[in-house]
Each structure stands twice: as structure tokens, then as C-alpha cells.
Amino acid sequence: MLLEKPARVEPSYIILESPSFSPMGVLLRVIHAALRIPITSTVLLYHQPRPEEVSFHLYLIPSDCTIQKALDDEEKKFQFVRILKPPPLTPLFMGSRYTVCGPGKLEIIPEELELCYRSPGESQLFSEFYVGHLGSGIRLQVKDKKNGTMVWEALVKAGDLRPAVTLLPPTLTASPPFPEAPALHFVDRYREQLVARVTSVDPVLDKLYGQVLSQEQYERVQAEATKPSQMQKLFSFSPSWDWACKDQLYRALKETHPHLIVELWEKWGSSRDGGEMGPDELSTEV
């Protein structure tokens, strides 16, 4: 049994976002462990830049989005940033042990990882290592301990590393940086992504009702059949909103979909790398 943490608690109800109550997953994991059925897995690699060296954490886990999200949240607490690398090419076996390899002088602790399922609330197994200078890059490999077969390989270069400070969940202000220039608000800039990826519209509407949305507008959005169409209907009212109204929408999205907002801010930050802030960008307070 796993206790679900609610996304939001109200006086008369609670909200669980994407809960999973089916026992089928538990049954399949037991079968995988007993019969050595191959499962899809992934390797997650995180880094934390330091003045004297770069720290890395490497995880080998089943391909489970809830575990990945829990690891992203945990690593961000310590200013670790995920490096996107391809997953293993072939399925791996639950319960098997795999060794993590790198250049000869690279000390990896522990060198051996077991592919096992642990619930998102548990601590996951990982290998840790440090690099003073990447130089031309370091080549990492994961091999099957039993037969030495390589199951995963990646090359980490200096260009893969980004300063953790730019990826902090921002305490953000949506005010335009140049009052004299027309600015593009965050919700306008990422309207397409918000329409496609906001999965829980009702909590957003509740926060806007009476302040940004009228009763009629609220009901018209709710009447739409799908989440994207609801968001499209919501944005159809935005041409009449001032900057403060868009700020309220931004705050509502930040409270109800924090991970999506942080991801979009990371994208915004990476798009500014190598160039000065333009008049259509928001200012941030980190």
C-alpha cells in the first residue's frame, strides 16, 4: 500500500493528480523479478557544478515516470541538474546487476547497481563520481556484470553542463523589463505549450473565478470536452486582459502545475544563453 500525497486539499474534497490504484503494476513487477522478463529501463544522469569539480549522480531504474519525477524533485533540492542522454537500446532484466564504467582514473562509488523497483517515495540506488576537468569529455558505460555486455553508453562533454543557478525554481515576477517597450508575457510566449500540456484545468479556473473570469466565462470553459480545448477557450478571453490578469493566470499555473512552469522557465533561460535579454523577455528574481 502506498499513501498518495494530494496535490491540493480543499474543505470538502482533495485533488489527486494522475493517481494509480491498479494492482496490475505490482503483479507485473513480481513476475518480472521471478521470471527474468526483460523490462524497459532508463539511465538518469545528474550533475552539480562546483568551483573545484563537477559531481555526478547516475541512476539505473525501470522506465517509470513517477520515479523519474521523484528523482528530478529530489536532485533539484541539492542543485543537481539532469543531463539528457538516450536510454539503453535493449530491455534489461529486473534483479540483475550492472557495473558503471568510466575512464581509467575516474573513481565511481559504487561501481555496481542493481536494477530493481523501489516506490517513488523510497531512496533510489545511484552511483556517484567527481570530475575536475571534462576536457574533451568523459565516456560512461553500463555493462551487464554477468557477461560484460555493454547495455548503455554516453559521452558527457562540457557543453552538456549548465549552471544550476539558472535552473532554480524561480520566485518570479512577470513584470516587463523595459516599461517603454511592449513585452510578451510568459503565458503569451508559451501559450501553445500551456494549451497542450496543462492537465488539470478546473483548479486553474477556480483561482481565476471572480477575479479574471466571470461566471459565464467560467462555465463556457468548463463546457469544452477536452483539456486542450478548455485551455484554448480560456486563452480566447485573454485579448481583453491586462498585465495583472495574466499575472494571475501565471500564478494559478505555477501553483497547480509547478513542474511544467519550471520546465518552461528552463527553456526560456536556455534560449537566452549567448545573447542579451531582449525586450520581449521577462525579468526573474531568483
Protein backbone atom coordinates (compact mmCIF):
# COMPACT_ATOMS: atom_id res chain seq x y z
CA MET A 1 0.00 0.00 0.00
CA LEU A 2 1.26 3.44 -0.92
CA LEU A 3 -0.20 6.62 0.54
CA GLU A 4 -0.84 9.19 -2.16
CA LYS A 5 0.13 12.80 -1.42
CA PRO A 6 -2.69 15.08 -2.60
CA ALA A 7 -1.87 17.90 -4.97
CA ARG A 8 -4.37 20.16 -3.22
CA VAL A 9 -6.66 19.94 -0.18
CA GLU A 10 -9.97 21.80 -0.05
CA PRO A 11 -12.54 21.89 2.78
CA SER A 12 -14.82 19.33 1.13
CA TYR A 13 -12.53 17.42 -1.24
CA ILE A 14 -8.93 16.68 -2.22
CA ILE A 15 -7.27 16.54 -5.62
CA LEU A 16 -5.02 13.66 -6.71
CA GLU A 17 -3.25 14.36 -10.00
CA SER A 18 -2.67 11.19 -12.08
CA PRO A 19 -3.21 8.66 -9.26
CA SER A 20 -2.59 4.98 -9.94
CA PHE A 21 -4.55 2.43 -7.92
CA SER A 22 -4.31 -0.65 -10.12
CA PRO A 23 -2.59 -3.70 -8.53
CA MET A 24 -1.56 -4.88 -12.00
CA GLY A 25 1.74 -3.00 -11.81
CA VAL A 26 2.71 -4.77 -8.60
CA LEU A 27 1.84 -8.14 -10.12
CA LEU A 28 3.89 -7.46 -13.24
CA ARG A 29 6.90 -6.39 -11.19
CA VAL A 30 6.75 -9.62 -9.16
CA ILE A 31 6.56 -11.66 -12.37
CA HIS A 32 9.47 -9.74 -13.89
CA ALA A 33 11.64 -10.40 -10.86
CA ALA A 34 10.75 -14.11 -10.69
CA LEU A 35 10.93 -15.00 -14.39
CA ARG A 36 13.63 -12.51 -15.52
CA ILE A 37 11.35 -10.95 -18.09
CA PRO A 38 13.13 -8.05 -19.80
CA ILE A 39 11.74 -4.61 -18.96
CA THR A 40 12.24 -1.17 -20.44
CA SER A 41 14.64 0.83 -18.29
CA THR A 42 16.40 4.17 -18.34
CA VAL A 43 19.60 5.79 -17.11
CA LEU A 44 19.29 9.18 -15.42
CA LEU A 45 22.40 11.32 -15.11
CA TYR A 46 22.54 14.46 -12.94
CA HIS A 47 25.36 16.94 -12.39
CA GLN A 48 26.16 19.67 -9.89
CA PRO A 49 28.86 22.18 -10.89
CA ARG A 50 31.24 23.23 -8.14
CA PRO A 51 34.21 25.64 -8.25
CA GLU A 52 36.76 22.85 -7.97
CA GLU A 53 34.96 19.88 -9.59
CA VAL A 54 31.70 18.57 -11.04
CA SER A 55 29.66 16.00 -9.11
CA PHE A 56 27.59 13.38 -10.94
CA HIS A 57 24.80 11.03 -9.85
CA LEU A 58 23.88 8.12 -12.15
CA TYR A 59 20.68 6.10 -11.68
CA LEU A 60 19.61 2.86 -13.39
CA ILE A 61 15.84 2.47 -12.89
CA PRO A 62 12.75 0.98 -14.54
CA SER A 63 11.15 3.34 -17.07
CA ASP A 64 8.55 4.73 -14.66
CA CYS A 65 7.57 8.40 -14.98
CA THR A 66 6.60 8.64 -11.30
CA ILE A 67 10.08 7.51 -10.23
CA GLN A 68 11.72 9.91 -12.67
CA LYS A 69 9.65 12.81 -11.38
CA ALA A 70 10.51 11.93 -7.76
CA LEU A 71 14.22 11.83 -8.64
CA ASP A 72 14.03 15.15 -10.51
CA ASP A 73 12.41 16.74 -7.46
CA GLU A 74 14.94 15.22 -5.04
CA GLU A 75 18.01 16.16 -7.10
CA LYS A 76 16.80 19.73 -7.62
CA LYS A 77 16.76 20.19 -3.84
CA PHE A 78 20.55 19.84 -3.92
CA GLN A 79 21.04 21.88 -7.11
CA PHE A 80 21.64 18.86 -9.35
CA VAL A 81 20.58 19.21 -12.98
CA ARG A 82 19.60 16.31 -15.27
CA ILE A 83 21.66 15.74 -18.42
CA LEU A 84 19.51 14.32 -21.19
CA LYS A 85 21.04 11.15 -22.64
CA PRO A 86 19.48 8.28 -24.63
CA PRO A 87 18.15 5.26 -22.67
CA PRO A 88 19.54 1.71 -23.07
CA LEU A 89 18.94 0.31 -26.54
CA THR A 90 17.60 -3.04 -25.31
CA PRO A 91 15.39 -4.05 -22.35
CA LEU A 92 17.21 -5.08 -19.17
CA PHE A 93 16.41 -7.68 -16.53
CA MET A 94 14.89 -6.85 -13.16
CA GLY A 95 17.12 -8.05 -10.33
CA SER A 96 20.25 -8.19 -12.49
CA ARG A 97 23.40 -6.30 -11.52
CA TYR A 98 25.21 -3.85 -13.76
CA THR A 99 28.57 -2.13 -13.45
CA VAL A 100 29.15 1.56 -14.14
CA CYS A 101 32.40 2.24 -16.01
CA GLY A 102 34.31 5.37 -16.95
CA PRO A 103 37.85 6.50 -17.83
CA GLY A 104 40.64 4.69 -16.01
CA LYS A 105 41.26 7.38 -13.37
CA LEU A 106 37.59 8.02 -12.69
CA GLU A 107 36.54 6.70 -9.27
CA ILE A 108 32.88 5.64 -9.24
CA ILE A 109 31.20 4.69 -5.95
CA PRO A 110 29.54 2.24 -6.01
CA GLU A 111 30.59 0.70 -9.32
CA GLU A 112 27.72 -1.81 -9.20
CA LEU A 113 23.98 -1.12 -9.42
CA GLU A 114 21.03 -3.49 -9.25
CA LEU A 115 18.05 -2.88 -11.49
CA CYS A 116 15.20 -3.06 -9.00
CA TYR A 117 11.87 -1.41 -8.40
CA ARG A 118 11.54 0.95 -5.45
CA SER A 119 8.46 3.08 -4.98
CA PRO A 120 8.83 6.82 -5.75
CA GLY A 121 8.82 7.60 -2.02
CA GLU A 122 11.88 5.40 -1.35
CA SER A 123 15.54 6.26 -1.85
CA GLN A 124 16.78 5.04 -5.23
CA LEU A 125 20.17 3.40 -5.83
CA PHE A 126 22.75 5.53 -7.64
CA SER A 127 26.47 5.79 -8.39
CA GLU A 128 28.41 8.96 -7.59
CA PHE A 129 31.62 10.30 -9.12
CA TYR A 130 33.52 13.56 -9.45
CA VAL A 131 35.36 15.17 -12.36
CA GLY A 132 37.83 18.04 -12.05
CA HIS A 133 38.04 18.90 -15.75
CA LEU A 134 35.98 17.33 -18.52
CA GLY A 135 38.49 18.18 -21.22
CA SER A 136 37.27 16.59 -24.45
CA GLY A 137 34.60 14.72 -22.47
CA ILE A 138 34.19 11.51 -20.48
CA ARG A 139 32.71 8.30 -21.84
CA LEU A 140 30.40 6.47 -19.45
CA GLN A 141 29.23 2.89 -19.86
CA VAL A 142 26.91 0.49 -18.07
CA LYS A 143 27.70 -3.21 -18.51
CA ASP A 144 25.97 -6.42 -17.51
CA LYS A 145 28.01 -7.76 -14.60
CA LYS A 146 27.37 -11.38 -15.55
CA ASN A 147 28.64 -11.37 -19.13
CA GLY A 148 30.26 -7.95 -19.54
CA THR A 149 27.88 -6.91 -22.32
CA MET A 150 27.60 -3.13 -22.68
CA VAL A 151 23.97 -2.06 -22.32
CA TRP A 152 24.35 1.74 -22.23
CA GLU A 153 26.96 4.29 -23.29
CA ALA A 154 27.10 8.09 -23.27
CA LEU A 155 29.66 10.82 -23.87
CA VAL A 156 29.46 13.77 -21.47
CA LYS A 157 31.03 16.99 -22.73
CA ALA A 158 31.44 20.41 -21.18
CA GLY A 159 28.60 21.68 -23.36
CA ASP A 160 26.19 19.30 -21.61
CA LEU A 161 26.68 21.11 -18.31
CA ARG A 162 24.59 24.09 -17.34
CA PRO A 163 24.90 26.25 -14.22
CA ALA A 164 22.44 25.00 -11.62
CA VAL A 165 21.63 28.54 -10.52
CA THR A 166 19.85 29.24 -13.80
CA LEU A 167 17.56 26.25 -13.21
CA LEU A 168 16.34 27.05 -9.73
CA PRO A 169 12.55 27.01 -9.41
CA PRO A 170 12.18 30.75 -9.74
CA THR A 171 10.38 33.14 -7.48
CA LEU A 172 9.31 35.03 -10.50
CA THR A 173 7.88 38.36 -11.33
CA ALA A 174 6.02 38.71 -14.58
CA SER A 175 6.75 42.41 -14.94
CA PRO A 176 8.23 43.60 -18.25
CA PRO A 177 11.95 44.52 -18.06
CA PHE A 178 11.57 47.63 -20.19
CA PRO A 179 8.45 49.69 -19.37
CA GLU A 180 8.79 51.68 -22.57
CA ALA A 181 8.88 48.56 -24.80
CA PRO A 182 5.97 46.21 -25.48
CA ALA A 183 6.72 42.97 -23.57
CA LEU A 184 5.47 39.47 -24.26
CA HIS A 185 4.06 37.92 -21.13
CA PHE A 186 5.16 34.44 -20.06
CA VAL A 187 1.68 32.98 -20.64
CA ASP A 188 1.56 34.50 -24.13
CA ARG A 189 5.03 33.30 -25.06
CA TYR A 190 4.26 29.70 -24.05
CA ARG A 191 0.58 29.67 -24.95
CA GLU A 192 0.95 26.69 -27.32
CA GLN A 193 2.76 24.56 -24.72
CA LEU A 194 0.29 25.52 -21.98
CA VAL A 195 -2.68 24.60 -24.17
CA ALA A 196 -1.16 21.22 -24.98
CA ARG A 197 0.27 20.26 -21.58
CA VAL A 198 -1.93 21.64 -18.80
CA THR A 199 -3.69 18.53 -17.48
CA SER A 200 -5.82 19.95 -14.69
CA VAL A 201 -7.84 22.95 -15.79
CA ASP A 202 -10.51 23.15 -13.08
CA PRO A 203 -8.11 24.23 -10.29
CA VAL A 204 -6.82 26.99 -12.57
CA LEU A 205 -10.36 28.17 -13.28
CA ASP A 206 -11.18 28.15 -9.55
CA LYS A 207 -8.28 30.51 -8.88
CA LEU A 208 -9.34 32.87 -11.69
CA TYR A 209 -13.09 32.85 -10.98
CA GLY A 210 -14.45 36.18 -9.81
CA GLN A 211 -11.16 38.00 -10.44
CA VAL A 212 -10.30 37.31 -14.08
CA LEU A 213 -13.22 35.16 -15.23
CA SER A 214 -16.93 35.89 -14.99
CA GLN A 215 -19.49 33.19 -14.22
CA GLU A 216 -20.37 32.92 -17.90
CA GLN A 217 -16.74 32.63 -18.99
CA TYR A 218 -16.06 30.05 -16.27
CA GLU A 219 -18.95 27.88 -17.47
CA ARG A 220 -18.01 28.26 -21.15
CA VAL A 221 -14.51 26.94 -20.44
CA GLN A 222 -15.83 24.03 -18.40
CA ALA A 223 -18.26 23.12 -21.17
CA GLU A 224 -15.42 22.19 -23.52
CA ALA A 225 -14.89 18.44 -23.94
CA THR A 226 -11.09 18.16 -23.64
CA LYS A 227 -8.36 19.83 -21.60
CA PRO A 228 -6.67 21.44 -24.64
CA SER A 229 -9.99 22.82 -25.86
CA GLN A 230 -10.66 24.18 -22.35
CA MET A 231 -7.29 25.94 -22.38
CA GLN A 232 -7.94 27.28 -25.87
CA LYS A 233 -11.27 28.67 -24.73
CA LEU A 234 -9.59 30.20 -21.67
CA PHE A 235 -6.98 31.91 -23.86
CA SER A 236 -9.72 33.18 -26.15
CA PHE A 237 -10.62 35.65 -23.38
CA SER A 238 -7.02 36.85 -22.93
CA PRO A 239 -7.02 39.68 -25.52
CA SER A 240 -9.11 41.73 -23.09
CA TRP A 241 -6.82 41.01 -20.11
CA ASP A 242 -4.28 43.48 -18.80
CA TRP A 243 -0.85 42.50 -17.48
CA ALA A 244 -2.20 41.96 -13.94
CA CYS A 245 -4.80 39.45 -15.18
CA LYS A 246 -2.11 37.50 -17.00
CA ASP A 247 -0.05 37.57 -13.81
CA GLN A 248 -2.96 35.91 -12.01
CA LEU A 249 -3.13 33.19 -14.67
CA TYR A 250 0.63 32.68 -14.34
CA ARG A 251 0.37 32.33 -10.54
CA ALA A 252 -2.52 29.89 -10.87
CA LEU A 253 -0.50 27.74 -13.28
CA LYS A 254 2.59 27.94 -11.08
CA GLU A 255 0.60 26.65 -8.08
CA THR A 256 -1.23 23.87 -9.94
CA HIS A 257 1.48 22.80 -12.45
CA PRO A 258 4.82 23.82 -10.87
CA HIS A 259 6.94 21.30 -12.77
CA LEU A 260 5.64 22.44 -16.14
CA ILE A 261 6.28 26.09 -15.29
CA VAL A 262 9.84 25.35 -14.12
CA GLU A 263 10.50 23.38 -17.32
CA LEU A 264 9.29 26.29 -19.46
CA TRP A 265 11.45 28.73 -17.49
CA GLU A 266 14.44 26.45 -18.09
CA LYS A 267 13.66 26.56 -21.81
CA TRP A 268 13.36 30.34 -21.63
CA GLY A 269 16.71 30.57 -19.81
CA SER A 270 18.47 28.31 -22.31
CA SER A 271 17.11 30.37 -25.20
CA ARG A 272 18.80 33.45 -23.70
CA ASP A 273 22.24 31.81 -23.42
CA GLY A 274 24.72 33.58 -25.62
CA GLY A 275 22.60 36.69 -26.10
CA GLU A 276 21.38 39.70 -24.23
CA MET A 277 17.92 39.87 -22.79
CA GLY A 278 15.52 41.10 -25.42
CA PRO A 279 12.59 43.46 -24.88
CA ASP A 280 10.13 40.56 -25.08
CA GLU A 281 11.64 38.64 -22.15
CA LEU A 282 10.54 38.64 -18.54
CA SER A 283 12.74 39.51 -15.61
CA THR A 284 13.27 36.97 -12.83
CA GLU A 285 14.07 37.20 -9.17
CA VAL A 286 15.90 34.06 -8.05
